[in-house]
Amino acid sequence: MSLYLILNIASLIIPFLYSFENRMKYIKRWKAVFSSIIITAIFFIVWDIIFTKIGVWSFNPRYHSGIEFFDLPIEEWLFFICIPYASIFIHFAFHYFLPKVSLSDKTVRIIYWILMIILLPTIVFHYDKWYTLVNYSVLVLVLTYTVFKVPDILNTYFLTFLIVLIPFSIVNGILTGSFIDEPVVSYNNNENLGIRLGTIPIEDVGYAFSMLLMSLVLIKKIEK
């Protein structure tokens, strides 16, 4: 079994088993959860395929099965199911067990504008770096839509994402070369800011934020 597949399974197993827990009843949200994950995955997989083809990143055959579709290892396809599922579970578990813990609308708006002040100049001054440009542009669009259309998601999500960052840092750290001889995923530093959190490109944080937020927005729309 490949290292990448092990990471996917390890990320999924506990949230999946606790999906049948009687109090939260996460299983009852499966239709909306899986629908949103699949729609979001289509967008991110197309992006992934294009970036792989133009050399923004690449995959180390040492750590995946060798089974590929459109130049993406099967494990990469599974990544867009396993990681969002586990992360969305964390979000709803937090919301269920700590329903009174959330940010005020004013705080959400302040955080939004701080992020815009950081992201928009970064996009303008680094437009020649593909990962930075596309990643932060998507983040700005998804975040702006959420703030003005479904802002209540962010009252909790800004907090739950901080929790998600803990397992994310472990899994993505391994994928980018922490604790192993070579990275599973290699990044072309000409196409990003070159700023790393350990071995993780800083853009990956925005990538994860957008992917999960897009799924949560879709869940809200589907469950209406």
C-alpha atoms as a PDB file:
ATOM      1  CA  MET A   1       0.000   0.000   0.000  1.00  0.00           C
ATOM      2  CA  SER A   2       1.407   3.390  -0.984  1.00  0.00           C
ATOM      3  CA  LEU A   3       2.247   6.073   1.568  1.00  0.00           C
ATOM      4  CA  TYR A   4      -0.177   8.486  -0.087  1.00  0.00           C
ATOM      5  CA  LEU A   5      -3.030   5.965   0.183  1.00  0.00           C
ATOM      6  CA  ILE A   6      -2.184   5.305   3.840  1.00  0.00           C
ATOM      7  CA  LEU A   7      -2.417   9.046   4.546  1.00  0.00           C
ATOM      8  CA  ASN A   8      -5.822   9.233   2.848  1.00  0.00           C
ATOM      9  CA  ILE A   9      -7.183   6.268   4.807  1.00  0.00           C
ATOM     10  CA  ALA A  10      -5.715   7.484   8.106  1.00  0.00           C
ATOM     11  CA  SER A  11      -7.355  10.886   7.580  1.00  0.00           C
ATOM     12  CA  LEU A  12     -10.739   9.356   6.830  1.00  0.00           C
ATOM     13  CA  ILE A  13     -11.052   6.416   9.222  1.00  0.00           C
ATOM     14  CA  ILE A  14     -11.945   8.134  12.529  1.00  0.00           C
ATOM     15  CA  PRO A  15     -14.391  10.705  11.068  1.00  0.00           C
ATOM     16  CA  PHE A  16     -16.012   7.934   9.021  1.00  0.00           C
ATOM     17  CA  LEU A  17     -16.492   5.647  12.035  1.00  0.00           C
ATOM     18  CA  TYR A  18     -17.887   8.498  14.141  1.00  0.00           C
ATOM     19  CA  SER A  19     -20.323   9.406  11.364  1.00  0.00           C
ATOM     20  CA  PHE A  20     -22.620   6.742  12.826  1.00  0.00           C
ATOM     21  CA  GLU A  21     -22.475   8.271  16.324  1.00  0.00           C
ATOM     22  CA  ASN A  22     -26.010   8.670  17.681  1.00  0.00           C
ATOM     23  CA  ARG A  23     -25.770  12.216  18.986  1.00  0.00           C
ATOM     24  CA  MET A  24     -24.385  14.067  15.967  1.00  0.00           C
ATOM     25  CA  LYS A  25     -25.947  11.775  13.355  1.00  0.00           C
ATOM     26  CA  TYR A  26     -23.533  12.967  10.696  1.00  0.00           C
ATOM     27  CA  ILE A  27     -24.692  10.121   8.475  1.00  0.00           C
ATOM     28  CA  LYS A  28     -27.991  11.962   7.962  1.00  0.00           C
ATOM     29  CA  ARG A  29     -26.073  14.743   6.194  1.00  0.00           C
ATOM     30  CA  TRP A  30     -24.319  12.369   3.807  1.00  0.00           C
ATOM     31  CA  LYS A  31     -26.379  13.340   0.764  1.00  0.00           C
ATOM     32  CA  ALA A  32     -25.488  17.010   1.104  1.00  0.00           C
ATOM     33  CA  VAL A  33     -21.929  16.305   2.260  1.00  0.00           C
ATOM     34  CA  PHE A  34     -21.015  13.944  -0.576  1.00  0.00           C
ATOM     35  CA  SER A  35     -22.808  16.053  -3.191  1.00  0.00           C
ATOM     36  CA  SER A  36     -20.861  19.128  -2.126  1.00  0.00           C
ATOM     37  CA  ILE A  37     -17.571  17.223  -1.946  1.00  0.00           C
ATOM     38  CA  ILE A  38     -18.017  15.843  -5.470  1.00  0.00           C
ATOM     39  CA  ILE A  39     -18.931  19.224  -6.974  1.00  0.00           C
ATOM     40  CA  THR A  40     -15.981  20.879  -5.249  1.00  0.00           C
ATOM     41  CA  ALA A  41     -13.679  18.000  -6.220  1.00  0.00           C
ATOM     42  CA  ILE A  42     -14.517  18.416  -9.913  1.00  0.00           C
ATOM     43  CA  PHE A  43     -13.366  22.038  -9.796  1.00  0.00           C
ATOM     44  CA  PHE A  44     -10.177  21.288  -7.874  1.00  0.00           C
ATOM     45  CA  ILE A  45      -9.295  18.188  -9.909  1.00  0.00           C
ATOM     46  CA  VAL A  46      -9.520  20.135 -13.177  1.00  0.00           C
ATOM     47  CA  TRP A  47      -7.255  22.752 -11.599  1.00  0.00           C
ATOM     48  CA  ASP A  48      -4.943  19.961 -10.403  1.00  0.00           C
ATOM     49  CA  ILE A  49      -4.726  18.363 -13.859  1.00  0.00           C
ATOM     50  CA  ILE A  50      -3.859  21.675 -15.526  1.00  0.00           C
ATOM     51  CA  PHE A  51      -1.218  22.581 -12.943  1.00  0.00           C
ATOM     52  CA  THR A  52       0.349  19.126 -13.212  1.00  0.00           C
ATOM     53  CA  LYS A  53       0.552  19.453 -16.996  1.00  0.00           C
ATOM     54  CA  ILE A  54       2.209  22.884 -16.895  1.00  0.00           C
ATOM     55  CA  GLY A  55       4.660  21.867 -14.159  1.00  0.00           C
ATOM     56  CA  VAL A  56       3.389  23.832 -11.166  1.00  0.00           C
ATOM     57  CA  TRP A  57       3.661  20.624  -9.132  1.00  0.00           C
ATOM     58  CA  SER A  58       4.433  16.942  -9.674  1.00  0.00           C
ATOM     59  CA  PHE A  59       3.999  13.603  -7.915  1.00  0.00           C
ATOM     60  CA  ASN A  60       6.745  11.261  -6.759  1.00  0.00           C
ATOM     61  CA  PRO A  61       6.083   7.716  -8.114  1.00  0.00           C
ATOM     62  CA  ARG A  62       7.991   6.311  -5.144  1.00  0.00           C
ATOM     63  CA  TYR A  63       5.062   7.133  -2.871  1.00  0.00           C
ATOM     64  CA  HIS A  64       1.984   6.367  -4.965  1.00  0.00           C
ATOM     65  CA  SER A  65       0.556   3.248  -6.607  1.00  0.00           C
ATOM     66  CA  GLY A  66       1.418   4.185 -10.182  1.00  0.00           C
ATOM     67  CA  ILE A  67      -2.247   4.097 -11.205  1.00  0.00           C
ATOM     68  CA  GLU A  68      -2.923   7.437 -12.885  1.00  0.00           C
ATOM     69  CA  PHE A  69      -5.812   9.206 -14.592  1.00  0.00           C
ATOM     70  CA  PHE A  70      -5.028  12.396 -16.525  1.00  0.00           C
ATOM     71  CA  ASP A  71      -1.529  12.324 -15.006  1.00  0.00           C
ATOM     72  CA  LEU A  72      -2.907  12.350 -11.445  1.00  0.00           C
ATOM     73  CA  PRO A  73      -2.270   9.349  -9.165  1.00  0.00           C
ATOM     74  CA  ILE A  74      -5.441   7.631  -7.980  1.00  0.00           C
ATOM     75  CA  GLU A  75      -4.434   8.678  -4.468  1.00  0.00           C
ATOM     76  CA  GLU A  76      -4.682  12.328  -5.519  1.00  0.00           C
ATOM     77  CA  TRP A  77      -8.247  11.764  -6.705  1.00  0.00           C
ATOM     78  CA  LEU A  78      -9.061  10.134  -3.362  1.00  0.00           C
ATOM     79  CA  PHE A  79      -7.477  13.080  -1.553  1.00  0.00           C
ATOM     80  CA  PHE A  80     -10.363  15.275  -2.725  1.00  0.00           C
ATOM     81  CA  ILE A  81     -12.840  12.911  -1.061  1.00  0.00           C
ATOM     82  CA  CYS A  82     -11.037  11.836   2.108  1.00  0.00           C
ATOM     83  CA  ILE A  83      -9.608  15.157   3.287  1.00  0.00           C
ATOM     84  CA  PRO A  84     -12.758  17.261   2.752  1.00  0.00           C
ATOM     85  CA  TYR A  85     -14.925  14.574   4.385  1.00  0.00           C
ATOM     86  CA  ALA A  86     -12.739  14.504   7.490  1.00  0.00           C
ATOM     87  CA  SER A  87     -12.442  18.291   7.644  1.00  0.00           C
ATOM     88  CA  ILE A  88     -16.175  18.900   7.206  1.00  0.00           C
ATOM     89  CA  PHE A  89     -16.787  16.361   9.977  1.00  0.00           C
ATOM     90  CA  ILE A  90     -14.531  18.379  12.288  1.00  0.00           C
ATOM     91  CA  HIS A  91     -16.466  21.542  11.426  1.00  0.00           C
ATOM     92  CA  PHE A  92     -19.868  20.039  12.198  1.00  0.00           C
ATOM     93  CA  ALA A  93     -18.606  18.238  15.314  1.00  0.00           C
ATOM     94  CA  PHE A  94     -17.315  21.541  16.677  1.00  0.00           C
ATOM     95  CA  HIS A  95     -20.614  23.236  15.839  1.00  0.00           C
ATOM     96  CA  TYR A  96     -22.600  20.419  17.476  1.00  0.00           C
ATOM     97  CA  PHE A  97     -20.647  20.053  20.712  1.00  0.00           C
ATOM     98  CA  LEU A  98     -19.799  23.759  21.150  1.00  0.00           C
ATOM     99  CA  PRO A  99     -22.822  25.523  19.635  1.00  0.00           C
ATOM    100  CA  LYS A 100     -22.285  28.741  21.584  1.00  0.00           C
ATOM    101  CA  VAL A 101     -18.674  29.185  20.495  1.00  0.00           C
ATOM    102  CA  SER A 102     -18.642  31.444  17.459  1.00  0.00           C
ATOM    103  CA  LEU A 103     -17.408  34.806  16.249  1.00  0.00           C
ATOM    104  CA  SER A 104     -19.593  37.888  16.025  1.00  0.00           C
ATOM    105  CA  ASP A 105     -20.621  39.241  12.624  1.00  0.00           C
ATOM    106  CA  LYS A 106     -18.423  42.274  13.250  1.00  0.00           C
ATOM    107  CA  THR A 107     -15.377  40.091  13.931  1.00  0.00           C
ATOM    108  CA  VAL A 108     -16.033  38.087  10.766  1.00  0.00           C
ATOM    109  CA  ARG A 109     -16.113  41.290   8.704  1.00  0.00           C
ATOM    110  CA  ILE A 110     -12.890  42.546  10.309  1.00  0.00           C
ATOM    111  CA  ILE A 111     -11.101  39.267   9.540  1.00  0.00           C
ATOM    112  CA  TYR A 112     -12.457  39.391   5.981  1.00  0.00           C
ATOM    113  CA  TRP A 113     -11.096  42.875   5.321  1.00  0.00           C
ATOM    114  CA  ILE A 114      -7.728  42.056   6.898  1.00  0.00           C
ATOM    115  CA  LEU A 115      -7.459  39.075   4.556  1.00  0.00           C
ATOM    116  CA  MET A 116      -8.420  41.234   1.563  1.00  0.00           C
ATOM    117  CA  ILE A 117      -5.736  43.775   2.479  1.00  0.00           C
ATOM    118  CA  ILE A 118      -3.189  40.937   2.430  1.00  0.00           C
ATOM    119  CA  LEU A 119      -4.475  38.889  -0.500  1.00  0.00           C
ATOM    120  CA  LEU A 120      -5.294  41.524  -3.123  1.00  0.00           C
ATOM    121  CA  PRO A 121      -1.827  43.172  -3.185  1.00  0.00           C
ATOM    122  CA  THR A 122      -0.238  39.700  -3.147  1.00  0.00           C
ATOM    123  CA  ILE A 123      -2.228  38.776  -6.263  1.00  0.00           C
ATOM    124  CA  VAL A 124      -1.289  42.036  -8.016  1.00  0.00           C
ATOM    125  CA  PHE A 125       2.425  41.915  -7.207  1.00  0.00           C
ATOM    126  CA  HIS A 126       2.821  38.186  -7.862  1.00  0.00           C
ATOM    127  CA  TYR A 127       0.556  37.766 -10.895  1.00  0.00           C
ATOM    128  CA  ASP A 128       3.404  35.955 -12.699  1.00  0.00           C
ATOM    129  CA  LYS A 129       3.329  33.032 -10.234  1.00  0.00           C
ATOM    130  CA  TRP A 130       0.607  30.599 -11.290  1.00  0.00           C
ATOM    131  CA  TYR A 131      -0.075  28.942  -7.947  1.00  0.00           C
ATOM    132  CA  THR A 132      -0.125  32.223  -6.046  1.00  0.00           C
ATOM    133  CA  LEU A 133      -2.297  33.976  -8.640  1.00  0.00           C
ATOM    134  CA  VAL A 134      -4.934  31.274  -9.121  1.00  0.00           C
ATOM    135  CA  ASN A 135      -5.008  30.078  -5.521  1.00  0.00           C
ATOM    136  CA  TYR A 136      -5.478  33.479  -3.921  1.00  0.00           C
ATOM    137  CA  SER A 137      -7.896  34.623  -6.634  1.00  0.00           C
ATOM    138  CA  VAL A 138     -10.105  31.611  -5.891  1.00  0.00           C
ATOM    139  CA  LEU A 139      -9.800  32.310  -2.166  1.00  0.00           C
ATOM    140  CA  VAL A 140     -10.866  35.943  -2.632  1.00  0.00           C
ATOM    141  CA  LEU A 141     -13.869  34.945  -4.752  1.00  0.00           C
ATOM    142  CA  VAL A 142     -15.072  32.138  -2.465  1.00  0.00           C
ATOM    143  CA  LEU A 143     -14.563  34.171   0.696  1.00  0.00           C
ATOM    144  CA  THR A 144     -16.239  37.275  -0.732  1.00  0.00           C
ATOM    145  CA  TYR A 145     -19.244  35.280  -1.913  1.00  0.00           C
ATOM    146  CA  THR A 146     -19.586  33.695   1.519  1.00  0.00           C
ATOM    147  CA  VAL A 147     -19.293  36.976   3.417  1.00  0.00           C
ATOM    148  CA  PHE A 148     -22.046  38.615   1.402  1.00  0.00           C
ATOM    149  CA  LYS A 149     -24.342  35.643   0.710  1.00  0.00           C
ATOM    150  CA  VAL A 150     -24.002  33.132   3.576  1.00  0.00           C
ATOM    151  CA  PRO A 151     -21.956  34.944   6.243  1.00  0.00           C
ATOM    152  CA  ASP A 152     -23.175  32.805   9.156  1.00  0.00           C
ATOM    153  CA  ILE A 153     -20.935  29.950   7.950  1.00  0.00           C
ATOM    154  CA  LEU A 154     -17.874  32.028   8.762  1.00  0.00           C
ATOM    155  CA  ASN A 155     -18.911  32.701  12.359  1.00  0.00           C
ATOM    156  CA  THR A 156     -17.877  29.129  13.086  1.00  0.00           C
ATOM    157  CA  TYR A 157     -15.627  28.270  10.129  1.00  0.00           C
ATOM    158  CA  PHE A 158     -12.915  30.788  10.982  1.00  0.00           C
ATOM    159  CA  LEU A 159     -12.570  28.887  14.276  1.00  0.00           C
ATOM    160  CA  THR A 160     -12.963  25.333  13.020  1.00  0.00           C
ATOM    161  CA  PHE A 161     -10.406  25.908  10.281  1.00  0.00           C
ATOM    162  CA  LEU A 162      -7.807  26.546  12.984  1.00  0.00           C
ATOM    163  CA  ILE A 163      -8.563  23.063  14.329  1.00  0.00           C
ATOM    164  CA  VAL A 164      -8.510  21.561  10.830  1.00  0.00           C
ATOM    165  CA  LEU A 165      -5.035  23.045  10.377  1.00  0.00           C
ATOM    166  CA  ILE A 166      -3.644  20.627  12.980  1.00  0.00           C
ATOM    167  CA  PRO A 167      -4.275  17.354  11.068  1.00  0.00           C
ATOM    168  CA  PHE A 168      -3.800  19.263   7.801  1.00  0.00           C
ATOM    169  CA  SER A 169      -0.292  20.277   8.861  1.00  0.00           C
ATOM    170  CA  ILE A 170       0.603  16.679   9.691  1.00  0.00           C
ATOM    171  CA  VAL A 171      -0.765  15.156   6.469  1.00  0.00           C
ATOM    172  CA  ASN A 172       0.354  17.958   4.174  1.00  0.00           C
ATOM    173  CA  GLY A 173       3.672  18.138   5.955  1.00  0.00           C
ATOM    174  CA  ILE A 174       4.341  14.500   5.084  1.00  0.00           C
ATOM    175  CA  LEU A 175       3.124  15.036   1.507  1.00  0.00           C
ATOM    176  CA  THR A 176       5.577  17.897   1.084  1.00  0.00           C
ATOM    177  CA  GLY A 177       8.540  16.033   2.553  1.00  0.00           C
ATOM    178  CA  SER A 178       8.437  16.243   6.345  1.00  0.00           C
ATOM    179  CA  PHE A 179       9.634  13.065   8.089  1.00  0.00           C
ATOM    180  CA  ILE A 180      10.381  11.243   4.780  1.00  0.00           C
ATOM    181  CA  ASP A 181      13.316  11.147   2.351  1.00  0.00           C
ATOM    182  CA  GLU A 182      11.577  12.849  -0.575  1.00  0.00           C
ATOM    183  CA  PRO A 183       8.310  14.784  -0.941  1.00  0.00           C
ATOM    184  CA  VAL A 184       5.234  13.007  -2.257  1.00  0.00           C
ATOM    185  CA  VAL A 185       4.252  16.243  -3.995  1.00  0.00           C
ATOM    186  CA  SER A 186       6.961  18.569  -5.319  1.00  0.00           C
ATOM    187  CA  TYR A 187       6.262  22.241  -6.027  1.00  0.00           C
ATOM    188  CA  ASN A 188       7.889  24.465  -8.624  1.00  0.00           C
ATOM    189  CA  ASN A 189       8.994  27.420  -6.508  1.00  0.00           C
ATOM    190  CA  ASN A 190       8.971  29.676  -9.569  1.00  0.00           C
ATOM    191  CA  GLU A 191       5.168  29.455  -9.403  1.00  0.00           C
ATOM    192  CA  ASN A 192       4.681  30.252  -5.703  1.00  0.00           C
ATOM    193  CA  LEU A 193       5.898  32.761  -3.130  1.00  0.00           C
ATOM    194  CA  GLY A 194       8.633  30.447  -1.872  1.00  0.00           C
ATOM    195  CA  ILE A 195       7.378  30.876   1.699  1.00  0.00           C
ATOM    196  CA  ARG A 196       7.079  27.577   3.557  1.00  0.00           C
ATOM    197  CA  LEU A 197       5.514  26.621   6.860  1.00  0.00           C
ATOM    198  CA  GLY A 198       7.980  23.851   7.577  1.00  0.00           C
ATOM    199  CA  THR A 199       7.831  22.086   4.217  1.00  0.00           C
ATOM    200  CA  ILE A 200       4.321  23.318   3.290  1.00  0.00           C
ATOM    201  CA  PRO A 201       3.993  26.170   0.756  1.00  0.00           C
ATOM    202  CA  ILE A 202       1.994  28.954   2.380  1.00  0.00           C
ATOM    203  CA  GLU A 203      -0.421  28.880  -0.564  1.00  0.00           C
ATOM    204  CA  ASP A 204      -1.577  25.421   0.549  1.00  0.00           C
ATOM    205  CA  VAL A 205      -3.306  26.976   3.561  1.00  0.00           C
ATOM    206  CA  GLY A 206      -5.423  29.140   1.270  1.00  0.00           C
ATOM    207  CA  TYR A 207      -6.026  26.156  -1.004  1.00  0.00           C
ATOM    208  CA  ALA A 208      -7.411  24.108   1.884  1.00  0.00           C
ATOM    209  CA  PHE A 209      -9.448  27.051   3.176  1.00  0.00           C
ATOM    210  CA  SER A 210     -11.130  27.588  -0.210  1.00  0.00           C
ATOM    211  CA  MET A 211     -11.780  23.892  -0.823  1.00  0.00           C
ATOM    212  CA  LEU A 212     -13.479  23.345   2.528  1.00  0.00           C
ATOM    213  CA  LEU A 213     -15.392  26.618   2.497  1.00  0.00           C
ATOM    214  CA  MET A 214     -16.726  25.894  -0.990  1.00  0.00           C
ATOM    215  CA  SER A 215     -18.013  22.540   0.252  1.00  0.00           C
ATOM    216  CA  LEU A 216     -19.682  24.115   3.298  1.00  0.00           C
ATOM    217  CA  VAL A 217     -21.407  26.744   1.159  1.00  0.00           C
ATOM    218  CA  LEU A 218     -22.719  24.015  -1.145  1.00  0.00           C
ATOM    219  CA  ILE A 219     -23.940  21.946   1.821  1.00  0.00           C
ATOM    220  CA  LYS A 220     -25.869  24.970   3.080  1.00  0.00           C
ATOM    221  CA  LYS A 221     -27.442  25.465  -0.360  1.00  0.00           C
ATOM    222  CA  ILE A 222     -28.317  21.768  -0.762  1.00  0.00           C
ATOM    223  CA  GLU A 223     -29.848  21.476   2.705  1.00  0.00           C
ATOM    224  CA  LYS A 224     -32.077  24.534   2.260  1.00  0.00           C
END
